Amino acid sequence: MLTPTLVVAGTDSRSMEPVSEDVYRFMPMHFSLKESAMIHGTNEHMAIDSFKRMIDFYARLIATSAG
């Protein structure tokens, strides 16, 4: 299931605005419906595979955006 959402919380991205014209406010995270229930809950965590996929996504984004 794919669900696009906006990050509406205050994140560290706001401190990057003075040094970058491109600040991305999204996280490509993969959660099942059950896993999404624990966000901001007790024992909040993410699976290592999901974390690795997120890192791989950002690595590809940086590599392809650099020109």
Protein backbone atom coordinates (compact mmCIF):
# COMPACT_ATOMS: atom_id res chain seq x y z
CA MET A 1 0.00 0.00 0.00
CA LEU A 2 1.32 3.45 -0.89
CA THR A 3 0.14 6.44 1.08
CA PRO A 4 1.55 9.88 0.37
CA THR A 5 1.63 12.05 3.44
CA LEU A 6 3.04 15.42 4.36
CA VAL A 7 5.41 15.94 7.24
CA VAL A 8 3.62 18.58 9.31
CA ALA A 9 5.82 18.38 12.37
CA GLY A 10 8.71 20.69 13.12
CA THR A 11 11.80 18.90 11.78
CA ASP A 12 15.47 19.72 11.39
CA SER A 13 14.77 20.64 7.78
CA ARG A 14 13.85 24.17 8.82
CA SER A 15 17.43 24.77 9.99
CA MET A 16 18.68 23.88 6.48
CA GLU A 17 16.68 26.58 4.66
CA PRO A 18 19.42 29.24 5.05
CA VAL A 19 22.04 26.97 3.44
CA SER A 20 20.07 25.19 0.71
CA GLU A 21 17.52 26.10 -1.92
CA ASP A 22 16.29 22.49 -2.00
CA VAL A 23 14.98 21.11 1.27
CA TYR A 24 12.96 17.92 0.94
CA ARG A 25 10.31 17.31 3.58
CA PHE A 26 9.38 13.71 3.02
CA MET A 27 10.55 10.32 4.15
CA PRO A 28 10.15 7.30 1.87
CA MET A 29 9.21 4.85 4.60
CA HIS A 30 7.56 1.48 4.11
CA PHE A 31 5.16 0.37 6.85
CA SER A 32 2.40 -2.18 7.04
CA LEU A 33 -0.89 -1.00 8.49
CA LYS A 34 0.03 -2.69 11.78
CA GLU A 35 3.47 -1.02 11.85
CA SER A 36 1.99 2.41 11.18
CA ALA A 37 0.00 2.19 14.42
CA MET A 38 3.19 2.35 16.49
CA ILE A 39 4.38 5.68 15.04
CA HIS A 40 4.92 8.06 17.97
CA GLY A 41 3.81 5.28 20.30
CA THR A 42 5.43 3.08 22.90
CA ASN A 43 8.51 1.32 21.53
CA GLU A 44 8.46 3.26 18.25
CA HIS A 45 10.78 1.62 15.72
CA MET A 46 11.16 0.61 12.10
CA ALA A 47 12.35 -2.58 10.49
CA ILE A 48 15.99 -2.67 9.39
CA ASP A 49 14.90 -3.48 5.81
CA SER A 50 12.69 -0.38 5.72
CA PHE A 51 15.51 1.75 7.11
CA LYS A 52 17.94 0.39 4.49
CA ARG A 53 15.46 1.08 1.68
CA MET A 54 15.07 4.66 2.90
CA ILE A 55 18.86 5.13 2.96
CA ASP A 56 19.15 3.64 -0.54
CA PHE A 57 16.44 6.01 -1.79
CA TYR A 58 18.25 9.08 -0.48
CA ALA A 59 21.60 7.84 -1.84
CA ARG A 60 20.04 7.48 -5.31
CA LEU A 61 18.33 10.89 -4.99
CA ILE A 62 21.63 12.58 -4.13
CA ALA A 63 23.57 10.72 -6.84
CA THR A 64 21.09 11.55 -9.59
CA SER A 65 20.51 15.15 -8.46
CA ALA A 66 24.21 16.00 -8.42
CA GLY A 67 24.33 16.09 -12.21
